[in-house]
C-alpha atoms as a PDB file:
ATOM      1  CA  ASN A   1       0.000   0.000   0.000  1.00  0.00           C
ATOM      2  CA  PHE A   2       1.221   3.445  -0.951  1.00  0.00           C
ATOM      3  CA  PRO A   3       0.717   6.383   1.409  1.00  0.00           C
ATOM      4  CA  GLN A   4      -1.679   9.155   0.363  1.00  0.00           C
ATOM      5  CA  ASN A   5       0.986  11.411  -1.137  1.00  0.00           C
ATOM      6  CA  THR A   6       1.308  13.219  -4.435  1.00  0.00           C
ATOM      7  CA  PRO A   7       2.880  11.291  -7.303  1.00  0.00           C
ATOM      8  CA  ALA A   8       6.011  13.465  -7.039  1.00  0.00           C
ATOM      9  CA  GLU A   9       6.429  12.558  -3.364  1.00  0.00           C
ATOM     10  CA  LEU A  10       5.861   8.885  -4.126  1.00  0.00           C
ATOM     11  CA  THR A  11       8.532   8.836  -6.800  1.00  0.00           C
ATOM     12  CA  LYS A  12      11.042  10.318  -4.341  1.00  0.00           C
ATOM     13  CA  GLN A  13      10.216   7.585  -1.847  1.00  0.00           C
ATOM     14  CA  TYR A  14      10.061   4.855  -4.479  1.00  0.00           C
ATOM     15  CA  PRO A  15      12.764   5.372  -7.121  1.00  0.00           C
ATOM     16  CA  THR A  16      11.806   2.118  -8.828  1.00  0.00           C
ATOM     17  CA  LEU A  17       8.291   3.487  -9.294  1.00  0.00           C
ATOM     18  CA  ALA A  18       9.754   6.689 -10.726  1.00  0.00           C
ATOM     19  CA  ARG A  19      11.728   4.663 -13.257  1.00  0.00           C
ATOM     20  CA  PHE A  20       8.654   2.605 -14.120  1.00  0.00           C
ATOM     21  CA  CYS A  21       6.618   5.768 -14.746  1.00  0.00           C
ATOM     22  CA  HIS A  22       9.394   7.208 -16.903  1.00  0.00           C
ATOM     23  CA  ASP A  23       9.624   4.005 -18.936  1.00  0.00           C
ATOM     24  CA  GLN A  24       5.850   3.779 -19.406  1.00  0.00           C
ATOM     25  CA  ARG A  25       5.678   7.351 -20.689  1.00  0.00           C
ATOM     26  CA  GLY A  26       8.363   6.438 -23.231  1.00  0.00           C
ATOM     27  CA  GLU A  27       6.450   3.317 -24.269  1.00  0.00           C
ATOM     28  CA  TYR A  28       3.283   5.400 -24.661  1.00  0.00           C
ATOM     29  CA  GLY A  29       5.106   7.847 -26.908  1.00  0.00           C
ATOM     30  CA  ARG A  30       6.507   5.070 -29.085  1.00  0.00           C
ATOM     31  CA  LEU A  31       3.089   3.405 -29.322  1.00  0.00           C
ATOM     32  CA  TYR A  32       1.288   6.507 -30.518  1.00  0.00           C
ATOM     33  CA  TYR A  33       4.126   7.504 -32.836  1.00  0.00           C
ATOM     34  CA  ASN A  34       3.890   4.034 -34.427  1.00  0.00           C
ATOM     35  CA  LYS A  35       0.097   4.355 -34.755  1.00  0.00           C
ATOM     36  CA  SER A  36       0.360   7.826 -36.317  1.00  0.00           C
ATOM     37  CA  LYS A  37       2.713   6.457 -38.984  1.00  0.00           C
ATOM     38  CA  GLY A  38       0.296   3.658 -39.827  1.00  0.00           C
ATOM     39  CA  GLY A  39       2.512   1.025 -38.237  1.00  0.00           C
ATOM     40  CA  LYS A  40       1.380  -2.579 -38.073  1.00  0.00           C
ATOM     41  CA  MET A  41       0.141  -4.082 -34.824  1.00  0.00           C
ATOM     42  CA  SER A  42       3.018  -6.482 -34.124  1.00  0.00           C
ATOM     43  CA  LEU A  43       3.109  -8.465 -30.885  1.00  0.00           C
ATOM     44  CA  PRO A  44       5.398  -5.923 -29.127  1.00  0.00           C
ATOM     45  CA  VAL A  45       3.158  -3.070 -30.304  1.00  0.00           C
ATOM     46  CA  PHE A  46       0.025  -4.934 -29.219  1.00  0.00           C
ATOM     47  CA  ASP A  47       1.573  -5.612 -25.798  1.00  0.00           C
ATOM     48  CA  ARG A  48       2.519  -1.933 -25.475  1.00  0.00           C
ATOM     49  CA  ASP A  49      -1.049  -0.950 -26.411  1.00  0.00           C
ATOM     50  CA  VAL A  50      -2.569  -3.288 -23.799  1.00  0.00           C
ATOM     51  CA  ARG A  51      -0.229  -2.039 -21.048  1.00  0.00           C
ATOM     52  CA  CYS A  52      -0.939   1.604 -21.895  1.00  0.00           C
ATOM     53  CA  ARG A  53      -4.701   1.036 -21.843  1.00  0.00           C
ATOM     54  CA  ARG A  54      -4.465  -0.676 -18.463  1.00  0.00           C
ATOM     55  CA  LEU A  55      -2.475   2.231 -17.045  1.00  0.00           C
ATOM     56  CA  GLU A  56      -5.031   4.686 -18.465  1.00  0.00           C
ATOM     57  CA  GLU A  57      -7.804   2.713 -16.721  1.00  0.00           C
ATOM     58  CA  VAL A  58      -6.215   3.357 -13.312  1.00  0.00           C
ATOM     59  CA  GLY A  59      -5.683   7.046 -14.036  1.00  0.00           C
ATOM     60  CA  PHE A  60      -1.989   7.042 -14.974  1.00  0.00           C
ATOM     61  CA  GLU A  61      -1.086  10.385 -16.533  1.00  0.00           C
ATOM     62  CA  PHE A  62       1.240   9.949 -19.505  1.00  0.00           C
ATOM     63  CA  ASP A  63       1.810  13.670 -19.979  1.00  0.00           C
ATOM     64  CA  ARG A  64       4.531  14.494 -17.439  1.00  0.00           C
ATOM     65  CA  LYS A  65       3.846  18.244 -17.434  1.00  0.00           C
ATOM     66  CA  LEU A  66       0.166  17.646 -16.846  1.00  0.00           C
ATOM     67  CA  ALA A  67       1.004  15.218 -14.037  1.00  0.00           C
ATOM     68  CA  GLN A  68       3.214  17.875 -12.419  1.00  0.00           C
ATOM     69  CA  TRP A  69       0.402  20.427 -12.746  1.00  0.00           C
ATOM     70  CA  TYR A  70      -1.995  18.062 -10.960  1.00  0.00           C
ATOM     71  CA  ASP A  71       0.611  17.473  -8.237  1.00  0.00           C
ATOM     72  CA  LYS A  72       0.707  21.199  -7.507  1.00  0.00           C
ATOM     73  CA  TYR A  73      -3.064  21.495  -7.773  1.00  0.00           C
ATOM     74  CA  HIS A  74      -3.538  18.743  -5.189  1.00  0.00           C
ATOM     75  CA  GLU A  75      -0.925  20.391  -2.976  1.00  0.00           C
ATOM     76  CA  LEU A  76      -2.919  23.643  -3.213  1.00  0.00           C
ATOM     77  CA  VAL A  77      -6.189  21.881  -2.342  1.00  0.00           C
ATOM     78  CA  GLU A  78      -4.509  20.241   0.646  1.00  0.00           C
ATOM     79  CA  TYR A  79      -3.094  23.601   1.737  1.00  0.00           C
ATOM     80  CA  ARG A  80      -6.537  25.205   1.520  1.00  0.00           C
ATOM     81  CA  ASN A  81      -8.133  22.352   3.466  1.00  0.00           C
ATOM     82  CA  ASP A  82      -5.487  22.604   6.187  1.00  0.00           C
ATOM     83  CA  ASN A  83      -5.385  26.409   6.418  1.00  0.00           C
ATOM     84  CA  GLY A  84      -8.853  27.518   5.309  1.00  0.00           C
ATOM     85  CA  HIS A  85      -7.503  29.948   2.695  1.00  0.00           C
ATOM     86  CA  VAL A  86      -5.595  30.024  -0.575  1.00  0.00           C
ATOM     87  CA  PRO A  87      -3.332  33.079  -0.229  1.00  0.00           C
ATOM     88  CA  ILE A  88       0.110  31.607   0.430  1.00  0.00           C
ATOM     89  CA  SER A  89       3.119  33.544   1.591  1.00  0.00           C
ATOM     90  CA  GLU A  90       6.372  33.046  -0.257  1.00  0.00           C
ATOM     91  CA  LYS A  91       8.093  32.443   3.062  1.00  0.00           C
ATOM     92  CA  GLU A  92       5.660  29.696   4.059  1.00  0.00           C
ATOM     93  CA  ASN A  93       5.818  27.597   0.882  1.00  0.00           C
ATOM     94  CA  PRO A  94       7.978  29.141  -1.877  1.00  0.00           C
ATOM     95  CA  SER A  95       7.345  26.445  -4.479  1.00  0.00           C
ATOM     96  CA  LEU A  96       3.552  26.531  -4.131  1.00  0.00           C
ATOM     97  CA  TYR A  97       3.541  30.331  -3.887  1.00  0.00           C
ATOM     98  CA  HIS A  98       5.347  30.670  -7.233  1.00  0.00           C
ATOM     99  CA  TRP A  99       3.143  28.043  -8.884  1.00  0.00           C
ATOM    100  CA  VAL A 100      -0.052  29.841  -7.788  1.00  0.00           C
ATOM    101  CA  ARG A 101       1.387  33.165  -8.900  1.00  0.00           C
ATOM    102  CA  TYR A 102       2.232  31.703 -12.305  1.00  0.00           C
ATOM    103  CA  GLN A 103      -1.275  30.213 -12.654  1.00  0.00           C
ATOM    104  CA  ARG A 104      -2.843  33.604 -11.935  1.00  0.00           C
ATOM    105  CA  ARG A 105      -0.780  35.238 -14.682  1.00  0.00           C
ATOM    106  CA  ARG A 106      -1.721  32.654 -17.316  1.00  0.00           C
END
């Protein structure tokens, strides 16, 4: 059982999981590149397709940047639940402060 942490925290605690996630994102990229070029569904490609679909079913995010965005979003939600407000001081949590500031400017 994994603790209820963000994916970024889990990958720090479980480097093997981090490597697995990295490898799966690479496999996903190769699979969809092959499909976009009209590649045939060989056994390795079929296996890659099945594994990617199974990971999608459990909510695995293949887009690393999107996964990082959701990590920060969940950190913000947790902060709000713990503190009752969203304004964050830079001194209190510099990383989250700068992320929120960036989101407001977008």
